[in-house]
Amino acid sequence: MRERDVEQSLVRAVKKLGGMCPKFVSPGLDGVPDRIILMPGAHIAFAELKAPGRKMRPLQVKRKSQLESLGFRVYCIDRPEQINTAITETIGGDAK
């Protein structure tokens, strides 16, 4: 499974629940997460997608910490099985 496959699974799952999952591009600010998870009810999170077993680069870890310090949830997803938990937590579910 490739990173692209994990990413497409996330986009489909979010869309199925009525949300959007656009690509996040920030010119001049490297290391930002790949996708923004936008769910009904103004719930927002970020997702860095990886191929199974791959880890975030140091700059990506720094950006994750910066976004989390602002109060946003940031997920590193490298397996489709992690997608449901990320979505549930984003919309205020009790899965942690």
PDB file of N, CA and C in Angstrom:
ATOM      1  N   MET A   1       0.848  -1.189   0.000  1.00  0.00           N
ATOM      2  CA  MET A   1       0.000   0.000   0.000  1.00  0.00           C
ATOM      3  C   MET A   1       0.888   1.244   0.000  1.00  0.00           C
ATOM      4  N   ARG A   2       0.511   2.211  -0.811  1.00  0.00           N
ATOM      5  CA  ARG A   2       1.271   3.450  -0.919  1.00  0.00           C
ATOM      6  C   ARG A   2       0.592   4.575  -0.148  1.00  0.00           C
ATOM      7  N   GLU A   3       1.334   5.651   0.058  1.00  0.00           N
ATOM      8  CA  GLU A   3       0.778   6.828   0.734  1.00  0.00           C
ATOM      9  C   GLU A   3      -0.472   7.313   0.023  1.00  0.00           C
ATOM     10  N   ARG A   4      -0.440   7.312  -1.288  1.00  0.00           N
ATOM     11  CA  ARG A   4      -1.590   7.772  -2.079  1.00  0.00           C
ATOM     12  C   ARG A   4      -2.846   6.963  -1.762  1.00  0.00           C
ATOM     13  N   ASP A   5      -2.698   5.655  -1.537  1.00  0.00           N
ATOM     14  CA  ASP A   5      -3.843   4.796  -1.220  1.00  0.00           C
ATOM     15  C   ASP A   5      -4.443   5.167   0.137  1.00  0.00           C
ATOM     16  N   VAL A   6      -3.582   5.432   1.115  1.00  0.00           N
ATOM     17  CA  VAL A   6      -4.050   5.840   2.449  1.00  0.00           C
ATOM     18  C   VAL A   6      -4.770   7.180   2.336  1.00  0.00           C
ATOM     19  N   GLU A   7      -4.185   8.096   1.571  1.00  0.00           N
ATOM     20  CA  GLU A   7      -4.764   9.424   1.393  1.00  0.00           C
ATOM     21  C   GLU A   7      -6.142   9.350   0.734  1.00  0.00           C
ATOM     22  N   GLN A   8      -6.277   8.548  -0.300  1.00  0.00           N
ATOM     23  CA  GLN A   8      -7.567   8.402  -0.983  1.00  0.00           C
ATOM     24  C   GLN A   8      -8.615   7.787  -0.060  1.00  0.00           C
ATOM     25  N   SER A   9      -8.195   6.864   0.797  1.00  0.00           N
ATOM     26  CA  SER A   9      -9.129   6.265   1.759  1.00  0.00           C
ATOM     27  C   SER A   9      -9.650   7.309   2.728  1.00  0.00           C
ATOM     28  N   LEU A  10      -8.772   8.197   3.189  1.00  0.00           N
ATOM     29  CA  LEU A  10      -9.190   9.269   4.094  1.00  0.00           C
ATOM     30  C   LEU A  10     -10.185  10.198   3.403  1.00  0.00           C
ATOM     31  N   VAL A  11      -9.867  10.629   2.205  1.00  0.00           N
ATOM     32  CA  VAL A  11     -10.739  11.559   1.473  1.00  0.00           C
ATOM     33  C   VAL A  11     -12.127  10.942   1.274  1.00  0.00           C
ATOM     34  N   ARG A  12     -12.178   9.681   0.884  1.00  0.00           N
ATOM     35  CA  ARG A  12     -13.476   9.004   0.679  1.00  0.00           C
ATOM     36  C   ARG A  12     -14.269   8.902   1.986  1.00  0.00           C
ATOM     37  N   ALA A  13     -13.594   8.553   3.076  1.00  0.00           N
ATOM     38  CA  ALA A  13     -14.279   8.393   4.367  1.00  0.00           C
ATOM     39  C   ALA A  13     -14.851   9.717   4.858  1.00  0.00           C
ATOM     40  N   VAL A  14     -14.094  10.783   4.723  1.00  0.00           N
ATOM     41  CA  VAL A  14     -14.574  12.104   5.155  1.00  0.00           C
ATOM     42  C   VAL A  14     -15.759  12.543   4.297  1.00  0.00           C
ATOM     43  N   LYS A  15     -15.634  12.362   2.999  1.00  0.00           N
ATOM     44  CA  LYS A  15     -16.708  12.743   2.073  1.00  0.00           C
ATOM     45  C   LYS A  15     -17.988  11.958   2.366  1.00  0.00           C
ATOM     46  N   LYS A  16     -17.850  10.687   2.666  1.00  0.00           N
ATOM     47  CA  LYS A  16     -19.003   9.828   2.964  1.00  0.00           C
ATOM     48  C   LYS A  16     -19.799  10.345   4.156  1.00  0.00           C
ATOM     49  N   LEU A  17     -19.120  11.013   5.096  1.00  0.00           N
ATOM     50  CA  LEU A  17     -19.773  11.546   6.282  1.00  0.00           C
ATOM     51  C   LEU A  17     -20.173  13.015   6.124  1.00  0.00           C
ATOM     52  N   GLY A  18     -20.118  13.519   4.895  1.00  0.00           N
ATOM     53  CA  GLY A  18     -20.577  14.877   4.633  1.00  0.00           C
ATOM     54  C   GLY A  18     -19.527  15.952   4.800  1.00  0.00           C
ATOM     55  N   GLY A  19     -18.274  15.556   4.958  1.00  0.00           N
ATOM     56  CA  GLY A  19     -17.203  16.533   5.131  1.00  0.00           C
ATOM     57  C   GLY A  19     -16.406  16.749   3.865  1.00  0.00           C
ATOM     58  N   MET A  20     -15.367  17.545   4.011  1.00  0.00           N
ATOM     59  CA  MET A  20     -14.436  17.813   2.917  1.00  0.00           C
ATOM     60  C   MET A  20     -13.029  17.539   3.434  1.00  0.00           C
ATOM     61  N   CYS A  21     -12.138  17.171   2.523  1.00  0.00           N
ATOM     62  CA  CYS A  21     -10.766  16.882   2.922  1.00  0.00           C
ATOM     63  C   CYS A  21      -9.803  17.411   1.857  1.00  0.00           C
ATOM     64  N   PRO A  22      -9.740  18.757   1.722  1.00  0.00           N
ATOM     65  CA  PRO A  22      -8.885  19.319   0.681  1.00  0.00           C
ATOM     66  C   PRO A  22      -7.398  19.169   0.990  1.00  0.00           C
ATOM     67  N   LYS A  23      -6.617  19.190  -0.064  1.00  0.00           N
ATOM     68  CA  LYS A  23      -5.165  19.188   0.047  1.00  0.00           C
ATOM     69  C   LYS A  23      -4.767  20.494   0.722  1.00  0.00           C
ATOM     70  N   PHE A  24      -3.808  20.442   1.639  1.00  0.00           N
ATOM     71  CA  PHE A  24      -3.335  21.637   2.335  1.00  0.00           C
ATOM     72  C   PHE A  24      -1.980  22.014   1.758  1.00  0.00           C
ATOM     73  N   VAL A  25      -1.929  23.179   1.122  1.00  0.00           N
ATOM     74  CA  VAL A  25      -0.699  23.679   0.548  1.00  0.00           C
ATOM     75  C   VAL A  25      -0.458  25.066   1.134  1.00  0.00           C
ATOM     76  N   SER A  26       0.730  25.303   1.638  1.00  0.00           N
ATOM     77  CA  SER A  26       1.048  26.594   2.223  1.00  0.00           C
ATOM     78  C   SER A  26       2.389  27.079   1.672  1.00  0.00           C
ATOM     79  N   PRO A  27       2.348  27.826   0.578  1.00  0.00           N
ATOM     80  CA  PRO A  27       3.601  28.319  -0.011  1.00  0.00           C
ATOM     81  C   PRO A  27       4.418  29.105   1.015  1.00  0.00           C
ATOM     82  N   GLY A  28       5.688  28.780   1.091  1.00  0.00           N
ATOM     83  CA  GLY A  28       6.564  29.477   2.022  1.00  0.00           C
ATOM     84  C   GLY A  28       6.604  28.867   3.410  1.00  0.00           C
ATOM     85  N   LEU A  29       5.796  27.850   3.654  1.00  0.00           N
ATOM     86  CA  LEU A  29       5.795  27.187   4.964  1.00  0.00           C
ATOM     87  C   LEU A  29       5.860  25.675   4.727  1.00  0.00           C
ATOM     88  N   ASP A  30       7.057  25.160   4.688  1.00  0.00           N
ATOM     89  CA  ASP A  30       7.258  23.731   4.445  1.00  0.00           C
ATOM     90  C   ASP A  30       6.856  22.901   5.650  1.00  0.00           C
ATOM     91  N   GLY A  31       6.554  21.638   5.396  1.00  0.00           N
ATOM     92  CA  GLY A  31       6.286  20.692   6.480  1.00  0.00           C
ATOM     93  C   GLY A  31       4.866  20.663   6.987  1.00  0.00           C
ATOM     94  N   VAL A  32       3.948  21.386   6.332  1.00  0.00           N
ATOM     95  CA  VAL A  32       2.557  21.380   6.801  1.00  0.00           C
ATOM     96  C   VAL A  32       1.912  20.033   6.459  1.00  0.00           C
ATOM     97  N   PRO A  33       0.875  19.641   7.204  1.00  0.00           N
ATOM     98  CA  PRO A  33       0.188  18.372   6.922  1.00  0.00           C
ATOM     99  C   PRO A  33      -0.390  18.334   5.509  1.00  0.00           C
ATOM    100  N   ASP A  34      -0.613  17.126   5.003  1.00  0.00           N
ATOM    101  CA  ASP A  34      -1.096  16.927   3.637  1.00  0.00           C
ATOM    102  C   ASP A  34      -2.539  17.364   3.421  1.00  0.00           C
ATOM    103  N   ARG A  35      -3.398  17.127   4.402  1.00  0.00           N
ATOM    104  CA  ARG A  35      -4.841  17.358   4.227  1.00  0.00           C
ATOM    105  C   ARG A  35      -5.435  18.077   5.436  1.00  0.00           C
ATOM    106  N   ILE A  36      -6.501  18.849   5.168  1.00  0.00           N
ATOM    107  CA  ILE A  36      -7.324  19.444   6.224  1.00  0.00           C
ATOM    108  C   ILE A  36      -8.617  18.639   6.256  1.00  0.00           C
ATOM    109  N   ILE A  37      -9.010  18.203   7.426  1.00  0.00           N
ATOM    110  CA  ILE A  37     -10.269  17.473   7.599  1.00  0.00           C
ATOM    111  C   ILE A  37     -11.306  18.488   8.071  1.00  0.00           C
ATOM    112  N   LEU A  38     -12.307  18.729   7.243  1.00  0.00           N
ATOM    113  CA  LEU A  38     -13.377  19.683   7.552  1.00  0.00           C
ATOM    114  C   LEU A  38     -14.681  18.902   7.666  1.00  0.00           C
ATOM    115  N   MET A  39     -15.240  18.864   8.872  1.00  0.00           N
ATOM    116  CA  MET A  39     -16.448  18.088   9.113  1.00  0.00           C
ATOM    117  C   MET A  39     -17.606  19.009   9.465  1.00  0.00           C
ATOM    118  N   PRO A  40     -18.846  18.544   9.217  1.00  0.00           N
ATOM    119  CA  PRO A  40     -20.012  19.352   9.574  1.00  0.00           C
ATOM    120  C   PRO A  40     -19.949  19.791  11.044  1.00  0.00           C
ATOM    121  N   GLY A  41     -20.460  20.980  11.298  1.00  0.00           N
ATOM    122  CA  GLY A  41     -20.443  21.505  12.658  1.00  0.00           C
ATOM    123  C   GLY A  41     -19.164  22.265  12.969  1.00  0.00           C
ATOM    124  N   ALA A  42     -18.416  22.637  11.938  1.00  0.00           N
ATOM    125  CA  ALA A  42     -17.189  23.431  12.079  1.00  0.00           C
ATOM    126  C   ALA A  42     -16.087  22.690  12.831  1.00  0.00           C
ATOM    127  N   HIS A  43     -15.981  21.397  12.626  1.00  0.00           N
ATOM    128  CA  HIS A  43     -14.914  20.601  13.234  1.00  0.00           C
ATOM    129  C   HIS A  43     -13.765  20.499  12.238  1.00  0.00           C
ATOM    130  N   ILE A  44     -12.560  20.823  12.719  1.00  0.00           N
ATOM    131  CA  ILE A  44     -11.388  20.874  11.843  1.00  0.00           C
ATOM    132  C   ILE A  44     -10.237  20.093  12.468  1.00  0.00           C
ATOM    133  N   ALA A  45      -9.514  19.361  11.625  1.00  0.00           N
ATOM    134  CA  ALA A  45      -8.281  18.694  12.032  1.00  0.00           C
ATOM    135  C   ALA A  45      -7.360  18.654  10.819  1.00  0.00           C
ATOM    136  N   PHE A  46      -6.136  18.261  11.045  1.00  0.00           N
ATOM    137  CA  PHE A  46      -5.155  18.132   9.979  1.00  0.00           C
ATOM    138  C   PHE A  46      -4.665  16.702   9.934  1.00  0.00           C
ATOM    139  N   ALA A  47      -4.263  16.240   8.755  1.00  0.00           N
ATOM    140  CA  ALA A  47      -3.764  14.876   8.612  1.00  0.00           C
ATOM    141  C   ALA A  47      -2.503  14.852   7.759  1.00  0.00           C
ATOM    142  N   GLU A  48      -1.481  14.237   8.294  1.00  0.00           N
ATOM    143  CA  GLU A  48      -0.270  13.929   7.533  1.00  0.00           C
ATOM    144  C   GLU A  48      -0.388  12.463   7.141  1.00  0.00           C
ATOM    145  N   LEU A  49      -0.335  12.188   5.854  1.00  0.00           N
ATOM    146  CA  LEU A  49      -0.490  10.820   5.361  1.00  0.00           C
ATOM    147  C   LEU A  49       0.869  10.233   5.031  1.00  0.00           C
ATOM    148  N   LYS A  50       1.037   8.971   5.382  1.00  0.00           N
ATOM    149  CA  LYS A  50       2.287   8.257   5.134  1.00  0.00           C
ATOM    150  C   LYS A  50       1.992   6.860   4.618  1.00  0.00           C
ATOM    151  N   ALA A  51       2.939   6.292   3.919  1.00  0.00           N
ATOM    152  CA  ALA A  51       2.855   4.878   3.566  1.00  0.00           C
ATOM    153  C   ALA A  51       3.006   4.081   4.860  1.00  0.00           C
ATOM    154  N   PRO A  52       2.421   2.887   4.921  1.00  0.00           N
ATOM    155  CA  PRO A  52       2.511   2.093   6.154  1.00  0.00           C
ATOM    156  C   PRO A  52       3.943   1.970   6.676  1.00  0.00           C
ATOM    157  N   GLY A  53       4.092   2.277   7.960  1.00  0.00           N
ATOM    158  CA  GLY A  53       5.383   2.164   8.624  1.00  0.00           C
ATOM    159  C   GLY A  53       6.294   3.367   8.492  1.00  0.00           C
ATOM    160  N   ARG A  54       5.935   4.325   7.653  1.00  0.00           N
ATOM    161  CA  ARG A  54       6.782   5.511   7.471  1.00  0.00           C
ATOM    162  C   ARG A  54       6.496   6.525   8.566  1.00  0.00           C
ATOM    163  N   LYS A  55       7.492   7.300   8.932  1.00  0.00           N
ATOM    164  CA  LYS A  55       7.385   8.293  10.008  1.00  0.00           C
ATOM    165  C   LYS A  55       7.507   9.706   9.447  1.00  0.00           C
ATOM    166  N   MET A  56       7.044  10.674  10.231  1.00  0.00           N
ATOM    167  CA  MET A  56       7.143  12.074   9.834  1.00  0.00           C
ATOM    168  C   MET A  56       8.598  12.552   9.914  1.00  0.00           C
ATOM    169  N   ARG A  57       8.947  13.456   9.024  1.00  0.00           N
ATOM    170  CA  ARG A  57      10.260  14.094   9.060  1.00  0.00           C
ATOM    171  C   ARG A  57      10.287  15.093  10.220  1.00  0.00           C
ATOM    172  N   PRO A  58      11.482  15.472  10.689  1.00  0.00           N
ATOM    173  CA  PRO A  58      11.570  16.411  11.823  1.00  0.00           C
ATOM    174  C   PRO A  58      10.796  17.716  11.609  1.00  0.00           C
ATOM    175  N   LEU A  59      10.827  18.291  10.409  1.00  0.00           N
ATOM    176  CA  LEU A  59      10.077  19.527  10.165  1.00  0.00           C
ATOM    177  C   LEU A  59       8.575  19.282  10.262  1.00  0.00           C
ATOM    178  N   GLN A  60       8.111  18.125   9.816  1.00  0.00           N
ATOM    179  CA  GLN A  60       6.689  17.796   9.924  1.00  0.00           C
ATOM    180  C   GLN A  60       6.277  17.641  11.386  1.00  0.00           C
ATOM    181  N   VAL A  61       7.146  17.063  12.198  1.00  0.00           N
ATOM    182  CA  VAL A  61       6.875  16.933  13.634  1.00  0.00           C
ATOM    183  C   VAL A  61       6.774  18.323  14.261  1.00  0.00           C
ATOM    184  N   LYS A  62       7.652  19.230  13.844  1.00  0.00           N
ATOM    185  CA  LYS A  62       7.617  20.604  14.361  1.00  0.00           C
ATOM    186  C   LYS A  62       6.305  21.286  13.989  1.00  0.00           C
ATOM    187  N   ARG A  63       5.872  21.165  12.734  1.00  0.00           N
ATOM    188  CA  ARG A  63       4.613  21.791  12.302  1.00  0.00           C
ATOM    189  C   ARG A  63       3.424  21.180  13.051  1.00  0.00           C
ATOM    190  N   LYS A  64       3.471  19.873  13.274  1.00  0.00           N
ATOM    191  CA  LYS A  64       2.413  19.202  14.048  1.00  0.00           C
ATOM    192  C   LYS A  64       2.334  19.817  15.439  1.00  0.00           C
ATOM    193  N   SER A  65       3.469  19.981  16.087  1.00  0.00           N
ATOM    194  CA  SER A  65       3.498  20.581  17.431  1.00  0.00           C
ATOM    195  C   SER A  65       2.978  22.011  17.422  1.00  0.00           C
ATOM    196  N   GLN A  66       3.353  22.778  16.393  1.00  0.00           N
ATOM    197  CA  GLN A  66       2.878  24.163  16.304  1.00  0.00           C
ATOM    198  C   GLN A  66       1.361  24.222  16.175  1.00  0.00           C
ATOM    199  N   LEU A  67       0.803  23.388  15.313  1.00  0.00           N
ATOM    200  CA  LEU A  67      -0.650  23.375  15.140  1.00  0.00           C
ATOM    201  C   LEU A  67      -1.359  22.891  16.397  1.00  0.00           C
ATOM    202  N   GLU A  68      -0.807  21.888  17.042  1.00  0.00           N
ATOM    203  CA  GLU A  68      -1.408  21.385  18.292  1.00  0.00           C
ATOM    204  C   GLU A  68      -1.348  22.439  19.393  1.00  0.00           C
ATOM    205  N   SER A  69      -0.284  23.231  19.428  1.00  0.00           N
ATOM    206  CA  SER A  69      -0.194  24.282  20.449  1.00  0.00           C
ATOM    207  C   SER A  69      -1.252  25.370  20.232  1.00  0.00           C
ATOM    208  N   LEU A  70      -1.784  25.441  19.005  1.00  0.00           N
ATOM    209  CA  LEU A  70      -2.875  26.379  18.706  1.00  0.00           C
ATOM    210  C   LEU A  70      -4.246  25.758  18.975  1.00  0.00           C
ATOM    211  N   GLY A  71      -4.244  24.487  19.383  1.00  0.00           N
ATOM    212  CA  GLY A  71      -5.492  23.830  19.733  1.00  0.00           C
ATOM    213  C   GLY A  71      -6.072  22.914  18.663  1.00  0.00           C
ATOM    214  N   PHE A  72      -5.363  22.706  17.568  1.00  0.00           N
ATOM    215  CA  PHE A  72      -5.854  21.835  16.496  1.00  0.00           C
ATOM    216  C   PHE A  72      -5.395  20.395  16.717  1.00  0.00           C
ATOM    217  N   ARG A  73      -6.215  19.471  16.258  1.00  0.00           N
ATOM    218  CA  ARG A  73      -5.822  18.059  16.241  1.00  0.00           C
ATOM    219  C   ARG A  73      -5.042  17.814  14.955  1.00  0.00           C
ATOM    220  N   VAL A  74      -3.954  17.062  15.076  1.00  0.00           N
ATOM    221  CA  VAL A  74      -3.133  16.719  13.915  1.00  0.00           C
ATOM    222  C   VAL A  74      -2.844  15.223  13.997  1.00  0.00           C
ATOM    223  N   TYR A  75      -3.172  14.513  12.940  1.00  0.00           N
ATOM    224  CA  TYR A  75      -3.005  13.060  12.906  1.00  0.00           C
ATOM    225  C   TYR A  75      -1.954  12.674  11.882  1.00  0.00           C
ATOM    226  N   CYS A  76      -1.156  11.697  12.233  1.00  0.00           N
ATOM    227  CA  CYS A  76      -0.269  11.059  11.270  1.00  0.00           C
ATOM    228  C   CYS A  76      -0.909   9.706  10.987  1.00  0.00           C
ATOM    229  N   ILE A  77      -1.386   9.529   9.773  1.00  0.00           N
ATOM    230  CA  ILE A  77      -2.128   8.325   9.405  1.00  0.00           C
ATOM    231  C   ILE A  77      -1.306   7.534   8.395  1.00  0.00           C
ATOM    232  N   ASP A  78      -0.949   6.300   8.779  1.00  0.00           N
ATOM    233  CA  ASP A  78      -0.189   5.459   7.854  1.00  0.00           C
ATOM    234  C   ASP A  78      -0.884   4.133   7.559  1.00  0.00           C
ATOM    235  N   ARG A  79      -2.101   3.973   8.095  1.00  0.00           N
ATOM    236  CA  ARG A  79      -2.891   2.769   7.815  1.00  0.00           C
ATOM    237  C   ARG A  79      -4.363   3.167   7.744  1.00  0.00           C
ATOM    238  N   PRO A  80      -5.122   2.578   6.822  1.00  0.00           N
ATOM    239  CA  PRO A  80      -6.546   2.911   6.721  1.00  0.00           C
ATOM    240  C   PRO A  80      -7.314   2.676   8.028  1.00  0.00           C
ATOM    241  N   GLU A  81      -6.862   1.762   8.847  1.00  0.00           N
ATOM    242  CA  GLU A  81      -7.559   1.458  10.108  1.00  0.00           C
ATOM    243  C   GLU A  81      -7.543   2.652  11.068  1.00  0.00           C
ATOM    244  N   GLN A  82      -6.644   3.610  10.870  1.00  0.00           N
ATOM    245  CA  GLN A  82      -6.555   4.775  11.749  1.00  0.00           C
ATOM    246  C   GLN A  82      -7.544   5.878  11.367  1.00  0.00           C
ATOM    247  N   ILE A  83      -8.119   5.775  10.209  1.00  0.00           N
ATOM    248  CA  ILE A  83      -8.968   6.852   9.691  1.00  0.00           C
ATOM    249  C   ILE A  83     -10.221   7.051  10.540  1.00  0.00           C
ATOM    250  N   ASN A  84     -10.904   5.986  10.902  1.00  0.00           N
ATOM    251  CA  ASN A  84     -12.137   6.114  11.678  1.00  0.00           C
ATOM    252  C   ASN A  84     -11.896   6.826  13.006  1.00  0.00           C
ATOM    253  N   THR A  85     -10.809   6.488  13.680  1.00  0.00           N
ATOM    254  CA  THR A  85     -10.500   7.140  14.951  1.00  0.00           C
ATOM    255  C   THR A  85     -10.256   8.631  14.749  1.00  0.00           C
ATOM    256  N   ALA A  86      -9.508   8.985  13.709  1.00  0.00           N
ATOM    257  CA  ALA A  86      -9.236  10.400  13.444  1.00  0.00           C
ATOM    258  C   ALA A  86     -10.526  11.169  13.186  1.00  0.00           C
ATOM    259  N   ILE A  87     -11.414  10.601  12.403  1.00  0.00           N
ATOM    260  CA  ILE A  87     -12.678  11.275  12.108  1.00  0.00           C
ATOM    261  C   ILE A  87     -13.547  11.366  13.356  1.00  0.00           C
ATOM    262  N   THR A  88     -13.638  10.292  14.098  1.00  0.00           N
ATOM    263  CA  THR A  88     -14.463  10.279  15.315  1.00  0.00           C
ATOM    264  C   THR A  88     -13.962  11.323  16.317  1.00  0.00           C
ATOM    265  N   GLU A  89     -12.666  11.397  16.510  1.00  0.00           N
ATOM    266  CA  GLU A  89     -12.121  12.405  17.435  1.00  0.00           C
ATOM    267  C   GLU A  89     -12.347  13.810  16.909  1.00  0.00           C
ATOM    268  N   THR A  90     -12.238  14.003  15.601  1.00  0.00           N
ATOM    269  CA  THR A  90     -12.422  15.326  15.008  1.00  0.00           C
ATOM    270  C   THR A  90     -13.840  15.842  15.237  1.00  0.00           C
ATOM    271  N   ILE A  91     -14.823  14.967  15.120  1.00  0.00           N
ATOM    272  CA  ILE A  91     -16.209  15.431  15.266  1.00  0.00           C
ATOM    273  C   ILE A  91     -16.693  15.378  16.705  1.00  0.00           C
ATOM    274  N   GLY A  92     -15.778  15.096  17.627  1.00  0.00           N
ATOM    275  CA  GLY A  92     -16.121  15.168  19.045  1.00  0.00           C
ATOM    276  C   GLY A  92     -16.564  13.859  19.647  1.00  0.00           C
ATOM    277  N   GLY A  93     -16.206  12.751  19.014  1.00  0.00           N
ATOM    278  CA  GLY A  93     -16.519  11.447  19.589  1.00  0.00           C
ATOM    279  C   GLY A  93     -15.682  11.173  20.810  1.00  0.00           C
ATOM    280  N   ASP A  94     -15.965  10.078  21.493  1.00  0.00           N
ATOM    281  CA  ASP A  94     -15.229   9.774  22.711  1.00  0.00           C
ATOM    282  C   ASP A  94     -14.060   8.821  22.491  1.00  0.00           C
ATOM    283  N   ALA A  95     -13.783   8.450  21.254  1.00  0.00           N
ATOM    284  CA  ALA A  95     -12.642   7.577  20.977  1.00  0.00           C
ATOM    285  C   ALA A  95     -11.349   8.361  21.176  1.00  0.00           C
ATOM    286  N   LYS A  96     -10.452   7.841  21.940  1.00  0.00           N
ATOM    287  CA  LYS A  96      -9.160   8.509  22.189  1.00  0.00           C
ATOM    288  C   LYS A  96      -8.044   7.514  22.073  1.00  0.00           C
TER     289      LYS A  96
END
